[in-house]
PDB file of all heavy atoms in Angstrom:
ATOM      1  N   LYS A   1       5.641  -1.907 -12.331  1.00  0.00           N
ATOM      2  CA  LYS A   1       5.599  -3.186 -13.047  1.00  0.00           C
ATOM      3  C   LYS A   1       4.872  -4.270 -12.268  1.00  0.00           C
ATOM      4  O   LYS A   1       4.730  -5.400 -12.752  1.00  0.00           O
ATOM      5  CB  LYS A   1       7.024  -3.633 -13.380  1.00  0.00           C
ATOM      6  CG  LYS A   1       7.706  -2.736 -14.415  1.00  0.00           C
ATOM      7  CD  LYS A   1       9.101  -3.241 -14.754  1.00  0.00           C
ATOM      8  CE  LYS A   1       9.748  -2.378 -15.837  1.00  0.00           C
ATOM      9  NZ  LYS A   1      11.110  -2.851 -16.193  1.00  0.00           N
ATOM     10  N   GLY A   2       4.428  -3.936 -11.049  1.00  0.00           N
ATOM     11  CA  GLY A   2       3.611  -4.876 -10.298  1.00  0.00           C
ATOM     12  C   GLY A   2       4.359  -5.910  -9.496  1.00  0.00           C
ATOM     13  O   GLY A   2       3.801  -6.962  -9.157  1.00  0.00           O
ATOM     14  N   TYR A   3       5.620  -5.636  -9.117  1.00  0.00           N
ATOM     15  CA  TYR A   3       6.388  -6.582  -8.305  1.00  0.00           C
ATOM     16  C   TYR A   3       6.051  -6.345  -6.826  1.00  0.00           C
ATOM     17  O   TYR A   3       6.823  -5.758  -6.074  1.00  0.00           O
ATOM     18  CB  TYR A   3       7.888  -6.414  -8.552  1.00  0.00           C
ATOM     19  CG  TYR A   3       8.280  -6.692  -9.976  1.00  0.00           C
ATOM     20  CD1 TYR A   3       9.079  -5.802 -10.694  1.00  0.00           C
ATOM     21  CD2 TYR A   3       7.843  -7.848 -10.633  1.00  0.00           C
ATOM     22  CE1 TYR A   3       9.436  -6.064 -12.002  1.00  0.00           C
ATOM     23  CE2 TYR A   3       8.195  -8.117 -11.946  1.00  0.00           C
ATOM     24  CZ  TYR A   3       8.990  -7.212 -12.627  1.00  0.00           C
ATOM     25  OH  TYR A   3       9.336  -7.461 -13.929  1.00  0.00           O
ATOM     26  N   LEU A   4       4.882  -6.813  -6.441  1.00  0.00           N
ATOM     27  CA  LEU A   4       4.334  -6.508  -5.134  1.00  0.00           C
ATOM     28  C   LEU A   4       4.395  -7.721  -4.220  1.00  0.00           C
ATOM     29  O   LEU A   4       4.471  -8.860  -4.674  1.00  0.00           O
ATOM     30  CB  LEU A   4       2.876  -6.042  -5.276  1.00  0.00           C
ATOM     31  CG  LEU A   4       2.627  -4.945  -6.309  1.00  0.00           C
ATOM     32  CD1 LEU A   4       1.146  -4.620  -6.388  1.00  0.00           C
ATOM     33  CD2 LEU A   4       3.439  -3.693  -5.988  1.00  0.00           C
ATOM     34  N   THR A   5       4.313  -7.469  -2.930  1.00  0.00           N
ATOM     35  CA  THR A   5       4.340  -8.533  -1.929  1.00  0.00           C
ATOM     36  C   THR A   5       2.925  -8.890  -1.497  1.00  0.00           C
ATOM     37  O   THR A   5       2.010  -8.053  -1.536  1.00  0.00           O
ATOM     38  CB  THR A   5       5.129  -8.096  -0.693  1.00  0.00           C
ATOM     39  OG1 THR A   5       4.414  -7.039  -0.052  1.00  0.00           O
ATOM     40  CG2 THR A   5       6.531  -7.606  -1.070  1.00  0.00           C
ATOM     41  N   GLY A   6       2.749 -10.122  -1.030  1.00  0.00           N
ATOM     42  CA  GLY A   6       1.477 -10.509  -0.438  1.00  0.00           C
ATOM     43  C   GLY A   6       1.187  -9.720   0.820  1.00  0.00           C
ATOM     44  O   GLY A   6       0.037  -9.386   1.123  1.00  0.00           O
ATOM     45  N   GLY A   7       2.251  -9.388   1.568  1.00  0.00           N
ATOM     46  CA  GLY A   7       2.072  -8.601   2.787  1.00  0.00           C
ATOM     47  C   GLY A   7       1.512  -7.221   2.507  1.00  0.00           C
ATOM     48  O   GLY A   7       0.710  -6.698   3.281  1.00  0.00           O
ATOM     49  N   GLY A   8       1.907  -6.622   1.389  1.00  0.00           N
ATOM     50  CA  GLY A   8       1.377  -5.316   1.029  1.00  0.00           C
ATOM     51  C   GLY A   8      -0.122  -5.378   0.766  1.00  0.00           C
ATOM     52  O   GLY A   8      -0.879  -4.485   1.174  1.00  0.00           O
ATOM     53  N   ALA A   9      -0.566  -6.439   0.091  1.00  0.00           N
ATOM     54  CA  ALA A   9      -1.998  -6.601  -0.171  1.00  0.00           C
ATOM     55  C   ALA A   9      -2.768  -6.789   1.136  1.00  0.00           C
ATOM     56  O   ALA A   9      -3.872  -6.244   1.307  1.00  0.00           O
ATOM     57  CB  ALA A   9      -2.215  -7.788  -1.102  1.00  0.00           C
ATOM     58  N   ARG A  10      -2.208  -7.557   2.074  1.00  0.00           N
ATOM     59  CA  ARG A  10      -2.879  -7.753   3.366  1.00  0.00           C
ATOM     60  C   ARG A  10      -2.926  -6.438   4.154  1.00  0.00           C
ATOM     61  O   ARG A  10      -3.924  -6.142   4.823  1.00  0.00           O
ATOM     62  CB  ARG A  10      -2.171  -8.843   4.157  1.00  0.00           C
ATOM     63  CG  ARG A  10      -2.363 -10.245   3.581  1.00  0.00           C
ATOM     64  CD  ARG A  10      -1.817 -11.311   4.506  1.00  0.00           C
ATOM     65  NE  ARG A  10      -0.365 -11.299   4.567  1.00  0.00           N
ATOM     66  CZ  ARG A  10       0.427 -11.979   3.749  1.00  0.00           C
ATOM     67  NH1 ARG A  10      -0.099 -12.710   2.781  1.00  0.00           N
ATOM     68  NH2 ARG A  10       1.743 -11.928   3.880  1.00  0.00           N
ATOM     69  N   ASN A  11      -1.846  -5.658   4.083  1.00  0.00           N
ATOM     70  CA  ASN A  11      -1.854  -4.354   4.754  1.00  0.00           C
ATOM     71  C   ASN A  11      -2.952  -3.464   4.190  1.00  0.00           C
ATOM     72  O   ASN A  11      -3.679  -2.802   4.935  1.00  0.00           O
ATOM     73  CB  ASN A  11      -0.499  -3.670   4.594  1.00  0.00           C
ATOM     74  CG  ASN A  11       0.585  -4.309   5.438  1.00  0.00           C
ATOM     75  OD1 ASN A  11       0.307  -5.032   6.392  1.00  0.00           O
ATOM     76  ND2 ASN A  11       1.836  -4.043   5.095  1.00  0.00           N
ATOM     77  N   ALA A  12      -3.062  -3.424   2.868  1.00  0.00           N
ATOM     78  CA  ALA A  12      -4.074  -2.578   2.231  1.00  0.00           C
ATOM     79  C   ALA A  12      -5.477  -3.018   2.641  1.00  0.00           C
ATOM     80  O   ALA A  12      -6.350  -2.180   2.935  1.00  0.00           O
ATOM     81  CB  ALA A  12      -3.913  -2.618   0.717  1.00  0.00           C
ATOM     82  N   ALA A  13      -5.708  -4.334   2.665  1.00  0.00           N
ATOM     83  CA  ALA A  13      -7.040  -4.841   3.016  1.00  0.00           C
ATOM     84  C   ALA A  13      -7.430  -4.464   4.442  1.00  0.00           C
ATOM     85  O   ALA A  13      -8.609  -4.201   4.724  1.00  0.00           O
ATOM     86  CB  ALA A  13      -7.067  -6.361   2.845  1.00  0.00           C
ATOM     87  N   PHE A  14      -6.460  -4.411   5.340  1.00  0.00           N
ATOM     88  CA  PHE A  14      -6.771  -4.137   6.743  1.00  0.00           C
ATOM     89  C   PHE A  14      -6.794  -2.645   7.062  1.00  0.00           C
ATOM     90  O   PHE A  14      -7.702  -2.160   7.742  1.00  0.00           O
ATOM     91  CB  PHE A  14      -5.749  -4.837   7.644  1.00  0.00           C
ATOM     92  CG  PHE A  14      -6.021  -4.677   9.118  1.00  0.00           C
ATOM     93  CD1 PHE A  14      -7.122  -5.292   9.700  1.00  0.00           C
ATOM     94  CD2 PHE A  14      -5.188  -3.912   9.919  1.00  0.00           C
ATOM     95  CE1 PHE A  14      -7.379  -5.149  11.057  1.00  0.00           C
ATOM     96  CE2 PHE A  14      -5.435  -3.767  11.271  1.00  0.00           C
ATOM     97  CZ  PHE A  14      -6.534  -4.388  11.840  1.00  0.00           C
ATOM     98  N   TYR A  15      -5.808  -1.890   6.582  1.00  0.00           N
ATOM     99  CA  TYR A  15      -5.653  -0.500   7.004  1.00  0.00           C
ATOM    100  C   TYR A  15      -6.416   0.499   6.144  1.00  0.00           C
ATOM    101  O   TYR A  15      -6.548   1.665   6.534  1.00  0.00           O
ATOM    102  CB  TYR A  15      -4.165  -0.119   7.015  1.00  0.00           C
ATOM    103  CG  TYR A  15      -3.390  -0.807   8.111  1.00  0.00           C
ATOM    104  CD1 TYR A  15      -2.411  -1.756   7.816  1.00  0.00           C
ATOM    105  CD2 TYR A  15      -3.637  -0.521   9.450  1.00  0.00           C
ATOM    106  CE1 TYR A  15      -1.709  -2.400   8.816  1.00  0.00           C
ATOM    107  CE2 TYR A  15      -2.933  -1.158  10.464  1.00  0.00           C
ATOM    108  CZ  TYR A  15      -1.974  -2.095  10.136  1.00  0.00           C
ATOM    109  OH  TYR A  15      -1.283  -2.730  11.142  1.00  0.00           O
ATOM    110  N   ALA A  16      -6.946   0.074   4.999  1.00  0.00           N
ATOM    111  CA  ALA A  16      -7.617   1.011   4.096  1.00  0.00           C
ATOM    112  C   ALA A  16      -8.771   1.735   4.770  1.00  0.00           C
ATOM    113  O   ALA A  16      -9.086   2.880   4.437  1.00  0.00           O
ATOM    114  CB  ALA A  16      -8.113   0.273   2.852  1.00  0.00           C
ATOM    115  N   ARG A  17      -9.413   1.107   5.738  1.00  0.00           N
ATOM    116  CA  ARG A  17     -10.582   1.715   6.406  1.00  0.00           C
ATOM    117  C   ARG A  17     -10.211   2.985   7.160  1.00  0.00           C
ATOM    118  O   ARG A  17     -11.106   3.791   7.477  1.00  0.00           O
ATOM    119  CB  ARG A  17     -11.213   0.688   7.343  1.00  0.00           C
ATOM    120  CG  ARG A  17     -10.399   0.348   8.598  1.00  0.00           C
ATOM    121  CD  ARG A  17     -10.833  -0.939   9.261  1.00  0.00           C
ATOM    122  NE  ARG A  17     -10.331  -2.101   8.525  1.00  0.00           N
ATOM    123  CZ  ARG A  17     -10.524  -3.348   8.917  1.00  0.00           C
ATOM    124  NH1 ARG A  17     -11.223  -3.587  10.015  1.00  0.00           N
ATOM    125  NH2 ARG A  17     -10.036  -4.360   8.210  1.00  0.00           N
ATOM    126  N   TRP A  18      -8.922   3.165   7.476  1.00  0.00           N
ATOM    127  CA  TRP A  18      -8.497   4.353   8.219  1.00  0.00           C
ATOM    128  C   TRP A  18      -7.784   5.387   7.340  1.00  0.00           C
ATOM    129  O   TRP A  18      -7.331   6.407   7.855  1.00  0.00           O
ATOM    130  CB  TRP A  18      -7.564   3.953   9.362  1.00  0.00           C
ATOM    131  CG  TRP A  18      -8.267   3.171  10.427  1.00  0.00           C
ATOM    132  CD1 TRP A  18      -9.217   3.633  11.306  1.00  0.00           C
ATOM    133  CD2 TRP A  18      -8.087   1.775  10.732  1.00  0.00           C
ATOM    134  NE1 TRP A  18      -9.634   2.618  12.131  1.00  0.00           N
ATOM    135  CE2 TRP A  18      -8.955   1.470  11.808  1.00  0.00           C
ATOM    136  CE3 TRP A  18      -7.283   0.776  10.207  1.00  0.00           C
ATOM    137  CZ2 TRP A  18      -9.037   0.194  12.356  1.00  0.00           C
ATOM    138  CZ3 TRP A  18      -7.361  -0.498  10.745  1.00  0.00           C
ATOM    139  CH2 TRP A  18      -8.234  -0.788  11.812  1.00  0.00           C
ATOM    140  N   VAL A  19      -7.661   5.116   6.056  1.00  0.00           N
ATOM    141  CA  VAL A  19      -6.891   5.990   5.166  1.00  0.00           C
ATOM    142  C   VAL A  19      -7.823   6.787   4.265  1.00  0.00           C
ATOM    143  O   VAL A  19      -8.722   6.228   3.630  1.00  0.00           O
ATOM    144  CB  VAL A  19      -5.906   5.168   4.305  1.00  0.00           C
ATOM    145  CG1 VAL A  19      -5.114   6.087   3.380  1.00  0.00           C
ATOM    146  CG2 VAL A  19      -4.951   4.371   5.202  1.00  0.00           C
ATOM    147  N   ASP A  20      -7.607   8.098   4.213  1.00  0.00           N
ATOM    148  CA  ASP A  20      -8.327   8.978   3.295  1.00  0.00           C
ATOM    149  C   ASP A  20      -7.346   9.496   2.243  1.00  0.00           C
ATOM    150  O   ASP A  20      -6.275  10.017   2.586  1.00  0.00           O
ATOM    151  CB  ASP A  20      -8.941  10.167   4.046  1.00  0.00           C
ATOM    152  CG  ASP A  20     -10.079   9.752   4.965  1.00  0.00           C
ATOM    153  OD1 ASP A  20     -10.731   8.733   4.657  1.00  0.00           O
ATOM    154  OD2 ASP A  20     -10.304  10.435   5.976  1.00  0.00           O
ATOM    155  N   TRP A  21      -7.714   9.358   0.982  1.00  0.00           N
ATOM    156  CA  TRP A  21      -6.835   9.746  -0.119  1.00  0.00           C
ATOM    157  C   TRP A  21      -7.280  11.097  -0.667  1.00  0.00           C
ATOM    158  O   TRP A  21      -8.153  11.173  -1.515  1.00  0.00           O
ATOM    159  CB  TRP A  21      -6.858   8.689  -1.217  1.00  0.00           C
ATOM    160  CG  TRP A  21      -6.459   7.327  -0.731  1.00  0.00           C
ATOM    161  CD1 TRP A  21      -7.280   6.327  -0.308  1.00  0.00           C
ATOM    162  CD2 TRP A  21      -5.127   6.830  -0.604  1.00  0.00           C
ATOM    163  NE1 TRP A  21      -6.536   5.235   0.084  1.00  0.00           N
ATOM    164  CE2 TRP A  21      -5.214   5.508  -0.084  1.00  0.00           C
ATOM    165  CE3 TRP A  21      -3.856   7.360  -0.871  1.00  0.00           C
ATOM    166  CZ2 TRP A  21      -4.099   4.724   0.156  1.00  0.00           C
ATOM    167  CZ3 TRP A  21      -2.737   6.580  -0.623  1.00  0.00           C
ATOM    168  CH2 TRP A  21      -2.855   5.286  -0.122  1.00  0.00           C
ATOM    169  N   GLU A  22      -6.675  12.172  -0.178  1.00  0.00           N
ATOM    170  CA  GLU A  22      -6.966  13.487  -0.734  1.00  0.00           C
ATOM    171  C   GLU A  22      -6.127  13.752  -1.975  1.00  0.00           C
ATOM    172  O   GLU A  22      -6.496  14.577  -2.808  1.00  0.00           O
ATOM    173  CB  GLU A  22      -6.747  14.563   0.325  1.00  0.00           C
ATOM    174  CG  GLU A  22      -7.760  14.486   1.458  1.00  0.00           C
ATOM    175  CD  GLU A  22      -7.747  15.704   2.342  1.00  0.00           C
ATOM    176  OE1 GLU A  22      -6.915  16.611   2.092  1.00  0.00           O
ATOM    177  OE2 GLU A  22      -8.557  15.748   3.295  1.00  0.00           O
ATOM    178  N   ALA A  23      -5.008  13.064  -2.092  1.00  0.00           N
ATOM    179  CA  ALA A  23      -4.204  13.128  -3.310  1.00  0.00           C
ATOM    180  C   ALA A  23      -4.693  12.054  -4.280  1.00  0.00           C
ATOM    181  O   ALA A  23      -5.072  10.957  -3.870  1.00  0.00           O
ATOM    182  CB  ALA A  23      -2.726  12.907  -2.990  1.00  0.00           C
ATOM    183  N   GLU A  24      -4.702  12.375  -5.564  1.00  0.00           N
ATOM    184  CA  GLU A  24      -5.117  11.409  -6.575  1.00  0.00           C
ATOM    185  C   GLU A  24      -3.897  10.569  -6.978  1.00  0.00           C
ATOM    186  O   GLU A  24      -3.207  10.859  -7.942  1.00  0.00           O
ATOM    187  CB  GLU A  24      -5.706  12.134  -7.790  1.00  0.00           C
ATOM    188  CG  GLU A  24      -7.007  12.860  -7.480  1.00  0.00           C
ATOM    189  CD  GLU A  24      -7.634  13.491  -8.715  1.00  0.00           C
ATOM    190  OE1 GLU A  24      -7.093  13.274  -9.827  1.00  0.00           O
ATOM    191  OE2 GLU A  24      -8.632  14.199  -8.565  1.00  0.00           O
ATOM    192  N   LEU A  25      -3.675   9.522  -6.206  1.00  0.00           N
ATOM    193  CA  LEU A  25      -2.503   8.680  -6.427  1.00  0.00           C
ATOM    194  C   LEU A  25      -2.853   7.499  -7.320  1.00  0.00           C
ATOM    195  O   LEU A  25      -3.965   6.970  -7.272  1.00  0.00           O
ATOM    196  CB  LEU A  25      -1.950   8.157  -5.100  1.00  0.00           C
ATOM    197  CG  LEU A  25      -1.491   9.205  -4.079  1.00  0.00           C
ATOM    198  CD1 LEU A  25      -0.794   8.505  -2.918  1.00  0.00           C
ATOM    199  CD2 LEU A  25      -0.560  10.218  -4.709  1.00  0.00           C
ATOM    200  N   GLU A  26      -1.862   7.085  -8.106  1.00  0.00           N
ATOM    201  CA  GLU A  26      -2.014   5.879  -8.911  1.00  0.00           C
ATOM    202  C   GLU A  26      -1.855   4.652  -8.020  1.00  0.00           C
ATOM    203  O   GLU A  26      -1.353   4.731  -6.892  1.00  0.00           O
ATOM    204  CB  GLU A  26      -0.975   5.864 -10.029  1.00  0.00           C
ATOM    205  CG  GLU A  26      -1.116   7.010 -11.018  1.00  0.00           C
ATOM    206  CD  GLU A  26      -0.079   6.937 -12.109  1.00  0.00           C
ATOM    207  OE1 GLU A  26       0.220   5.810 -12.573  1.00  0.00           O
ATOM    208  OE2 GLU A  26       0.439   7.993 -12.496  1.00  0.00           O
ATOM    209  N   GLY A  27      -2.257   3.497  -8.546  1.00  0.00           N
ATOM    210  CA  GLY A  27      -2.193   2.272  -7.761  1.00  0.00           C
ATOM    211  C   GLY A  27      -0.802   1.953  -7.270  1.00  0.00           C
ATOM    212  O   GLY A  27      -0.612   1.521  -6.120  1.00  0.00           O
ATOM    213  N   TRP A  28       0.221   2.164  -8.089  1.00  0.00           N
ATOM    214  CA  TRP A  28       1.591   1.826  -7.680  1.00  0.00           C
ATOM    215  C   TRP A  28       2.048   2.700  -6.519  1.00  0.00           C
ATOM    216  O   TRP A  28       2.832   2.248  -5.670  1.00  0.00           O
ATOM    217  CB  TRP A  28       2.546   1.936  -8.855  1.00  0.00           C
ATOM    218  CG  TRP A  28       2.778   3.336  -9.365  1.00  0.00           C
ATOM    219  CD1 TRP A  28       2.102   3.958 -10.370  1.00  0.00           C
ATOM    220  CD2 TRP A  28       3.742   4.282  -8.888  1.00  0.00           C
ATOM    221  NE1 TRP A  28       2.572   5.241 -10.553  1.00  0.00           N
ATOM    222  CE2 TRP A  28       3.587   5.461  -9.660  1.00  0.00           C
ATOM    223  CE3 TRP A  28       4.715   4.258  -7.894  1.00  0.00           C
ATOM    224  CZ2 TRP A  28       4.366   6.597  -9.480  1.00  0.00           C
ATOM    225  CZ3 TRP A  28       5.501   5.393  -7.695  1.00  0.00           C
ATOM    226  CH2 TRP A  28       5.322   6.544  -8.484  1.00  0.00           C
ATOM    227  N   GLN A  29       1.567   3.946  -6.463  1.00  0.00           N
ATOM    228  CA  GLN A  29       1.932   4.833  -5.362  1.00  0.00           C
ATOM    229  C   GLN A  29       1.308   4.352  -4.051  1.00  0.00           C
ATOM    230  O   GLN A  29       1.969   4.343  -3.007  1.00  0.00           O
ATOM    231  CB  GLN A  29       1.490   6.261  -5.689  1.00  0.00           C
ATOM    232  CG  GLN A  29       2.234   6.856  -6.886  1.00  0.00           C
ATOM    233  CD  GLN A  29       1.620   8.154  -7.356  1.00  0.00           C
ATOM    234  OE1 GLN A  29       0.405   8.247  -7.556  1.00  0.00           O
ATOM    235  NE2 GLN A  29       2.441   9.172  -7.546  1.00  0.00           N
ATOM    236  N   ARG A  30       0.067   3.941  -4.122  1.00  0.00           N
ATOM    237  CA  ARG A  30      -0.578   3.396  -2.930  1.00  0.00           C
ATOM    238  C   ARG A  30       0.104   2.110  -2.492  1.00  0.00           C
ATOM    239  O   ARG A  30       0.268   1.857  -1.289  1.00  0.00           O
ATOM    240  CB  ARG A  30      -2.063   3.149  -3.213  1.00  0.00           C
ATOM    241  CG  ARG A  30      -2.842   4.402  -3.555  1.00  0.00           C
ATOM    242  CD  ARG A  30      -4.330   4.123  -3.647  1.00  0.00           C
ATOM    243  NE  ARG A  30      -5.081   5.308  -4.050  1.00  0.00           N
ATOM    244  CZ  ARG A  30      -6.359   5.527  -3.806  1.00  0.00           C
ATOM    245  NH1 ARG A  30      -7.058   4.610  -3.140  1.00  0.00           N
ATOM    246  NH2 ARG A  30      -6.966   6.615  -4.209  1.00  0.00           N
ATOM    247  N   ASP A  31       0.506   1.290  -3.468  1.00  0.00           N
ATOM    248  CA  ASP A  31       1.194   0.044  -3.148  1.00  0.00           C
ATOM    249  C   ASP A  31       2.470   0.307  -2.349  1.00  0.00           C
ATOM    250  O   ASP A  31       2.780  -0.428  -1.399  1.00  0.00           O
ATOM    251  CB  ASP A  31       1.540  -0.716  -4.427  1.00  0.00           C
ATOM    252  CG  ASP A  31       0.310  -1.256  -5.142  1.00  0.00           C
ATOM    253  OD1 ASP A  31      -0.711  -1.503  -4.469  1.00  0.00           O
ATOM    254  OD2 ASP A  31       0.377  -1.428  -6.377  1.00  0.00           O
ATOM    255  N   LEU A  32       3.203   1.345  -2.708  1.00  0.00           N
ATOM    256  CA  LEU A  32       4.435   1.655  -1.990  1.00  0.00           C
ATOM    257  C   LEU A  32       4.160   2.085  -0.557  1.00  0.00           C
ATOM    258  O   LEU A  32       4.922   1.756   0.357  1.00  0.00           O
ATOM    259  CB  LEU A  32       5.210   2.752  -2.728  1.00  0.00           C
ATOM    260  CG  LEU A  32       6.113   2.253  -3.857  1.00  0.00           C
ATOM    261  CD1 LEU A  32       6.502   3.387  -4.787  1.00  0.00           C
ATOM    262  CD2 LEU A  32       7.369   1.607  -3.268  1.00  0.00           C
ATOM    263  N   LEU A  33       3.081   2.787  -0.327  1.00  0.00           N
ATOM    264  CA  LEU A  33       2.762   3.231   1.031  1.00  0.00           C
ATOM    265  C   LEU A  33       2.311   2.079   1.922  1.00  0.00           C
ATOM    266  O   LEU A  33       2.428   2.152   3.148  1.00  0.00           O
ATOM    267  CB  LEU A  33       1.684   4.318   0.989  1.00  0.00           C
ATOM    268  CG  LEU A  33       2.127   5.636   0.351  1.00  0.00           C
ATOM    269  CD1 LEU A  33       0.951   6.595   0.240  1.00  0.00           C
ATOM    270  CD2 LEU A  33       3.253   6.283   1.148  1.00  0.00           C
ATOM    271  N   TYR A  34       1.795   1.013   1.310  1.00  0.00           N
ATOM    272  CA  TYR A  34       1.420  -0.191   2.069  1.00  0.00           C
ATOM    273  C   TYR A  34       2.539  -1.230   2.093  1.00  0.00           C
ATOM    274  O   TYR A  34       2.426  -2.246   2.793  1.00  0.00           O
ATOM    275  CB  TYR A  34       0.180  -0.835   1.445  1.00  0.00           C
ATOM    276  CG  TYR A  34      -1.127  -0.140   1.726  1.00  0.00           C
ATOM    277  CD1 TYR A  34      -1.914   0.364   0.695  1.00  0.00           C
ATOM    278  CD2 TYR A  34      -1.592   0.002   3.038  1.00  0.00           C
ATOM    279  CE1 TYR A  34      -3.138   0.988   0.956  1.00  0.00           C
ATOM    280  CE2 TYR A  34      -2.803   0.633   3.305  1.00  0.00           C
ATOM    281  CZ  TYR A  34      -3.570   1.116   2.256  1.00  0.00           C
ATOM    282  OH  TYR A  34      -4.777   1.735   2.532  1.00  0.00           O
ATOM    283  N   ASP A  35       3.603  -1.022   1.342  1.00  0.00           N
ATOM    284  CA  ASP A  35       4.656  -2.019   1.174  1.00  0.00           C
ATOM    285  C   ASP A  35       5.312  -2.384   2.507  1.00  0.00           C
ATOM    286  O   ASP A  35       5.789  -1.504   3.227  1.00  0.00           O
ATOM    287  CB  ASP A  35       5.722  -1.458   0.221  1.00  0.00           C
ATOM    288  CG  ASP A  35       6.825  -2.454  -0.085  1.00  0.00           C
ATOM    289  OD1 ASP A  35       6.507  -3.631  -0.347  1.00  0.00           O
ATOM    290  OD2 ASP A  35       8.010  -2.060  -0.068  1.00  0.00           O
ATOM    291  N   PRO A  36       5.359  -3.674   2.885  1.00  0.00           N
ATOM    292  CA  PRO A  36       6.054  -4.071   4.119  1.00  0.00           C
ATOM    293  C   PRO A  36       7.547  -3.772   4.003  1.00  0.00           C
ATOM    294  O   PRO A  36       8.169  -4.067   2.978  1.00  0.00           O
ATOM    295  CB  PRO A  36       5.817  -5.581   4.204  1.00  0.00           C
ATOM    296  CG  PRO A  36       4.694  -5.866   3.267  1.00  0.00           C
ATOM    297  CD  PRO A  36       4.776  -4.833   2.192  1.00  0.00           C
ATOM    298  N   GLN A  37       8.093  -3.215   5.043  1.00  0.00           N
ATOM    299  CA  GLN A  37       9.513  -2.876   5.055  1.00  0.00           C
ATOM    300  C   GLN A  37      10.279  -3.832   5.955  1.00  0.00           C
ATOM    301  O   GLN A  37       9.797  -4.197   7.031  1.00  0.00           O
ATOM    302  CB  GLN A  37       9.717  -1.446   5.551  1.00  0.00           C
ATOM    303  CG  GLN A  37       8.977  -0.394   4.745  1.00  0.00           C
ATOM    304  CD  GLN A  37       9.378  -0.414   3.288  1.00  0.00           C
ATOM    305  OE1 GLN A  37      10.475  -0.008   2.924  1.00  0.00           O
ATOM    306  NE2 GLN A  37       8.486  -0.899   2.435  1.00  0.00           N
ATOM    307  N   THR A  38      11.440  -4.222   5.512  1.00  0.00           N
ATOM    308  CA  THR A  38      12.380  -4.960   6.359  1.00  0.00           C
ATOM    309  C   THR A  38      13.441  -3.981   6.822  1.00  0.00           C
ATOM    310  O   THR A  38      14.075  -3.321   5.994  1.00  0.00           O
ATOM    311  CB  THR A  38      13.027  -6.110   5.582  1.00  0.00           C
ATOM    312  OG1 THR A  38      12.020  -7.025   5.141  1.00  0.00           O
ATOM    313  CG2 THR A  38      14.032  -6.849   6.467  1.00  0.00           C
ATOM    314  N   SER A  39      13.608  -3.856   8.129  1.00  0.00           N
ATOM    315  CA  SER A  39      14.583  -2.928   8.700  1.00  0.00           C
ATOM    316  C   SER A  39      14.418  -1.541   8.111  1.00  0.00           C
ATOM    317  O   SER A  39      15.361  -0.916   7.623  1.00  0.00           O
ATOM    318  CB  SER A  39      16.016  -3.431   8.473  1.00  0.00           C
ATOM    319  OG  SER A  39      16.963  -2.680   9.210  1.00  0.00           O
ATOM    320  N   GLY A  40      13.163  -1.048   8.156  1.00  0.00           N
ATOM    321  CA  GLY A  40      12.875   0.289   7.656  1.00  0.00           C
ATOM    322  C   GLY A  40      13.320   1.356   8.638  1.00  0.00           C
ATOM    323  O   GLY A  40      13.958   1.087   9.656  1.00  0.00           O
TER     324      GLY A  40
END
């Protein structure tokens, strides 16, 4: 539903250069992998 954090977008912008997507993931799946965690 797009309830995303600004931190997740900043993570994606910075770390995407090192990530290779061999799986065909939807946008929401990628968002979860970049999602900032509190006490993860």
